[in-house]
C-alpha atoms as a PDB file:
ATOM      1  CA  MET A   1      55.655  30.201  10.438  1.00  0.00           C
ATOM      2  CA  LYS A   2      53.802  27.363   8.730  1.00  0.00           C
ATOM      3  CA  LYS A   3      50.036  27.590   8.037  1.00  0.00           C
ATOM      4  CA  ILE A   4      47.927  24.649   9.231  1.00  0.00           C
ATOM      5  CA  LYS A   5      45.309  23.623   6.709  1.00  0.00           C
ATOM      6  CA  GLY A   6      41.932  22.270   7.770  1.00  0.00           C
ATOM      7  CA  PHE A   7      38.372  23.196   8.618  1.00  0.00           C
ATOM      8  CA  THR A   8      37.386  25.526  11.394  1.00  0.00           C
ATOM      9  CA  LEU A   9      34.693  24.636  13.890  1.00  0.00           C
ATOM     10  CA  VAL A  10      32.360  27.225  12.338  1.00  0.00           C
ATOM     11  CA  GLU A  11      32.737  25.666   8.876  1.00  0.00           C
ATOM     12  CA  LEU A  12      31.965  22.209  10.252  1.00  0.00           C
ATOM     13  CA  MET A  13      28.883  23.522  12.079  1.00  0.00           C
ATOM     14  CA  ILE A  14      27.598  25.176   8.891  1.00  0.00           C
ATOM     15  CA  ALA A  15      28.116  21.934   6.937  1.00  0.00           C
ATOM     16  CA  LEU A  16      26.199  19.978   9.593  1.00  0.00           C
ATOM     17  CA  ALA A  17      23.364  22.538   9.599  1.00  0.00           C
ATOM     18  CA  VAL A  18      23.013  22.348   5.803  1.00  0.00           C
ATOM     19  CA  THR A  19      23.037  18.540   5.963  1.00  0.00           C
ATOM     20  CA  GLY A  20      20.360  18.604   8.677  1.00  0.00           C
ATOM     21  CA  ILE A  21      18.130  20.924   6.638  1.00  0.00           C
ATOM     22  CA  LEU A  22      18.454  18.730   3.554  1.00  0.00           C
ATOM     23  CA  ALA A  23      17.642  15.609   5.607  1.00  0.00           C
ATOM     24  CA  ALA A  24      14.591  17.320   7.123  1.00  0.00           C
ATOM     25  CA  ILE A  25      13.284  17.925   3.598  1.00  0.00           C
ATOM     26  CA  ALA A  26      14.268  14.577   2.068  1.00  0.00           C
ATOM     27  CA  VAL A  27      13.115  12.095   4.736  1.00  0.00           C
ATOM     28  CA  PRO A  28       9.376  12.996   4.720  1.00  0.00           C
ATOM     29  CA  SER A  29       9.398  12.984   0.913  1.00  0.00           C
ATOM     30  CA  TYR A  30      10.976   9.543   0.944  1.00  0.00           C
ATOM     31  CA  PHE A  31       8.359   8.125   3.347  1.00  0.00           C
ATOM     32  CA  HIS A  32       5.558   9.626   1.239  1.00  0.00           C
ATOM     33  CA  PHE A  33       7.043   7.940  -1.836  1.00  0.00           C
ATOM     34  CA  VAL A  34       7.253   4.590  -0.004  1.00  0.00           C
ATOM     35  CA  LYS A  35       3.595   4.773   1.088  1.00  0.00           C
ATOM     36  CA  SER A  36       2.534   5.773  -2.405  1.00  0.00           C
ATOM     37  CA  SER A  37       4.354   2.805  -3.937  1.00  0.00           C
ATOM     38  CA  ARG A  38       2.747   0.448  -1.401  1.00  0.00           C
ATOM     39  CA  LEU A  39      -0.694   1.791  -2.333  1.00  0.00           C
ATOM     40  CA  GLN A  40      -0.006   1.237  -6.029  1.00  0.00           C
ATOM     41  CA  ALA A  41       1.181  -2.312  -5.334  1.00  0.00           C
ATOM     42  CA  ALA A  42      -1.998  -2.954  -3.307  1.00  0.00           C
ATOM     43  CA  GLN A  43      -4.043  -1.737  -6.284  1.00  0.00           C
ATOM     44  CA  THR A  44      -2.223  -4.230  -8.493  1.00  0.00           C
ATOM     45  CA  ASP A  45      -2.899  -6.971  -5.932  1.00  0.00           C
ATOM     46  CA  LEU A  46      -6.622  -6.155  -6.064  1.00  0.00           C
ATOM     47  CA  VAL A  47      -6.660  -6.305  -9.866  1.00  0.00           C
ATOM     48  CA  ASN A  48      -4.966  -9.719  -9.703  1.00  0.00           C
ATOM     49  CA  MET A  49      -7.454 -10.749  -7.018  1.00  0.00           C
ATOM     50  CA  SER A  50     -10.309  -9.673  -9.293  1.00  0.00           C
ATOM     51  CA  VAL A  51      -8.929 -11.852 -12.098  1.00  0.00           C
ATOM     52  CA  SER A  52      -8.811 -14.772  -9.678  1.00  0.00           C
ATOM     53  CA  MET A  53     -12.406 -14.018  -8.622  1.00  0.00           C
ATOM     54  CA  GLU A  54     -13.584 -14.130 -12.231  1.00  0.00           C
ATOM     55  CA  ASN A  55     -11.687 -17.378 -12.864  1.00  0.00           C
ATOM     56  CA  TYR A  56     -13.350 -18.844  -9.775  1.00  0.00           C
ATOM     57  CA  TYR A  57     -16.745 -17.694 -11.058  1.00  0.00           C
ATOM     58  CA  TYR A  58     -16.248 -19.304 -14.465  1.00  0.00           C
ATOM     59  CA  GLN A  59     -15.310 -22.595 -12.824  1.00  0.00           C
ATOM     60  CA  GLN A  60     -17.902 -22.651 -10.000  1.00  0.00           C
ATOM     61  CA  LEU A  61     -20.670 -20.398 -11.419  1.00  0.00           C
ATOM     62  CA  SER A  62     -20.605 -18.352  -8.216  1.00  0.00           C
ATOM     63  CA  TYR A  63     -18.152 -16.101  -6.429  1.00  0.00           C
ATOM     64  CA  PRO A  64     -16.274 -17.338  -3.347  1.00  0.00           C
ATOM     65  CA  GLU A  65     -17.651 -16.597   0.100  1.00  0.00           C
ATOM     66  CA  SER A  66     -16.834 -13.420   2.015  1.00  0.00           C
ATOM     67  CA  THR A  67     -13.570 -13.365   3.929  1.00  0.00           C
ATOM     68  CA  THR A  68     -12.178 -11.273   6.768  1.00  0.00           C
ATOM     69  CA  THR A  69      -8.440 -11.924   6.489  1.00  0.00           C
ATOM     70  CA  THR A  70      -5.771 -12.260   3.828  1.00  0.00           C
ATOM     71  CA  LEU A  71      -5.239 -15.935   4.676  1.00  0.00           C
ATOM     72  CA  GLN A  72      -8.934 -16.693   4.148  1.00  0.00           C
ATOM     73  CA  SER A  73      -8.864 -14.810   0.850  1.00  0.00           C
ATOM     74  CA  GLN A  74      -5.848 -16.806  -0.287  1.00  0.00           C
ATOM     75  CA  ALA A  75      -7.567 -20.058   0.717  1.00  0.00           C
ATOM     76  CA  GLU A  76     -10.630 -19.146  -1.354  1.00  0.00           C
ATOM     77  CA  LEU A  77      -8.614 -17.990  -4.369  1.00  0.00           C
ATOM     78  CA  LYS A  78      -6.063 -20.716  -4.982  1.00  0.00           C
ATOM     79  CA  GLY A  79      -2.963 -19.366  -6.697  1.00  0.00           C
ATOM     80  CA  TRP A  80      -3.516 -15.726  -5.735  1.00  0.00           C
ATOM     81  CA  VAL A  81      -0.602 -14.374  -3.678  1.00  0.00           C
ATOM     82  CA  PRO A  82      -0.577 -10.710  -2.624  1.00  0.00           C
ATOM     83  CA  THR A  83       2.723  -8.856  -2.752  1.00  0.00           C
ATOM     84  CA  GLN A  84       1.765  -6.414  -0.005  1.00  0.00           C
ATOM     85  CA  LYS A  85       0.310  -8.780   2.615  1.00  0.00           C
ATOM     86  CA  LYS A  86       2.699  -7.361   5.225  1.00  0.00           C
ATOM     87  CA  TYR A  87       1.184  -3.892   4.769  1.00  0.00           C
ATOM     88  CA  PHE A  88      -2.449  -4.637   3.842  1.00  0.00           C
ATOM     89  CA  ASP A  89      -5.179  -7.045   4.879  1.00  0.00           C
ATOM     90  CA  TYR A  90      -7.139  -8.287   1.849  1.00  0.00           C
ATOM     91  CA  THR A  91     -10.816  -9.171   2.183  1.00  0.00           C
ATOM     92  CA  ILE A  92     -13.755 -10.225   0.012  1.00  0.00           C
ATOM     93  CA  LEU A  93     -17.283  -8.961   0.587  1.00  0.00           C
ATOM     94  CA  LYS A  94     -19.715 -11.027  -1.494  1.00  0.00           C
ATOM     95  CA  ASP A  95     -23.317 -10.036  -2.053  1.00  0.00           C
ATOM     96  CA  GLY A  96     -25.073 -12.423  -4.440  1.00  0.00           C
ATOM     97  CA  ASN A  97     -23.443 -12.003  -7.847  1.00  0.00           C
ATOM     98  CA  SER A  98     -21.397  -8.955  -6.894  1.00  0.00           C
ATOM     99  CA  TYR A  99     -18.373  -8.389  -4.723  1.00  0.00           C
ATOM    100  CA  ILE A 100     -16.143  -5.754  -3.207  1.00  0.00           C
ATOM    101  CA  LEU A 101     -12.455  -6.504  -2.786  1.00  0.00           C
ATOM    102  CA  SER A 102     -10.583  -4.368  -0.299  1.00  0.00           C
ATOM    103  CA  ALA A 103      -7.073  -3.896   0.972  1.00  0.00           C
ATOM    104  CA  THR A 104      -7.006  -2.252   4.394  1.00  0.00           C
ATOM    105  CA  GLY A 105      -3.729  -0.861   5.700  1.00  0.00           C
ATOM    106  CA  VAL A 106      -2.118  -2.547   8.695  1.00  0.00           C
ATOM    107  CA  SER A 107      -1.580  -0.183  11.624  1.00  0.00           C
ATOM    108  CA  THR A 108       1.675  -1.812  12.775  1.00  0.00           C
ATOM    109  CA  GLU A 109       3.238  -0.897   9.416  1.00  0.00           C
ATOM    110  CA  ASN A 110       2.089   2.779   9.470  1.00  0.00           C
ATOM    111  CA  MET A 111      -0.533   2.178   6.793  1.00  0.00           C
ATOM    112  CA  ALA A 112      -3.577   2.360   9.125  1.00  0.00           C
ATOM    113  CA  ASN A 113      -5.385   5.211   7.365  1.00  0.00           C
ATOM    114  CA  TYR A 114      -5.249   3.702   3.885  1.00  0.00           C
ATOM    115  CA  GLU A 115      -7.830   1.528   2.169  1.00  0.00           C
ATOM    116  CA  VAL A 116      -8.105   0.473  -1.455  1.00  0.00           C
ATOM    117  CA  SER A 117     -11.220  -1.154  -2.915  1.00  0.00           C
ATOM    118  CA  LEU A 118     -12.346  -2.660  -6.211  1.00  0.00           C
ATOM    119  CA  THR A 119     -15.813  -3.914  -7.165  1.00  0.00           C
ATOM    120  CA  ASN A 120     -16.943  -6.390  -9.803  1.00  0.00           C
ATOM    121  CA  ASP A 121     -18.229  -3.359 -11.762  1.00  0.00           C
ATOM    122  CA  ASN A 122     -14.656  -2.011 -11.818  1.00  0.00           C
ATOM    123  CA  VAL A 123     -15.361   0.845  -9.386  1.00  0.00           C
ATOM    124  CA  ARG A 124     -11.988   1.680  -7.852  1.00  0.00           C
ATOM    125  CA  GLU A 125     -11.534   3.815  -4.747  1.00  0.00           C
ATOM    126  CA  VAL A 126      -8.709   4.797  -2.441  1.00  0.00           C
ATOM    127  CA  LYS A 127      -9.168   6.196   1.064  1.00  0.00           C
ATOM    128  CA  ASP A 128      -6.026   8.139   1.834  1.00  0.00           C
ATOM    129  CA  ASN A 129      -6.079   9.561   5.378  1.00  0.00           C
ATOM    130  CA  GLY A 130      -9.825  10.156   5.180  1.00  0.00           C
ATOM    131  CA  SER A 131     -10.028  11.566   1.652  1.00  0.00           C
ATOM    132  CA  MET A 132     -11.686   9.396  -0.992  1.00  0.00           C
ATOM    133  CA  LYS A 133     -10.561   9.298  -4.615  1.00  0.00           C
ATOM    134  CA  THR A 134     -10.691   6.924  -7.562  1.00  0.00           C
ATOM    135  CA  TRP A 135      -7.711   5.217  -9.157  1.00  0.00           C
END
């Protein structure tokens, strides 16, 4: 009698269970990493925006007006292009000779609870699901 080689149903079920457990651990970690990288890119966008603000100030002797959308911010700061405009809305809040730049997460891209801000005094804050920290 010849032996048939192959996997039994039990072995296949165990392999699938192990794969499922590994996926359940890996997928949330991956999404956390993606959100973290988007936040870091938004921070870089705000630093670049701040450089554009200072260039504007040196040319016009005042900061640009406050904005409420990314497109308005780009119109005020010629040459500044955010890398994360799909995930964040960039705004300028001007108050005399000071400003606050912010990147607010877009809810349709699962970034709704995230906000990054930078002031002209280089105060940097991140709101991450309600908790506030500096960067």
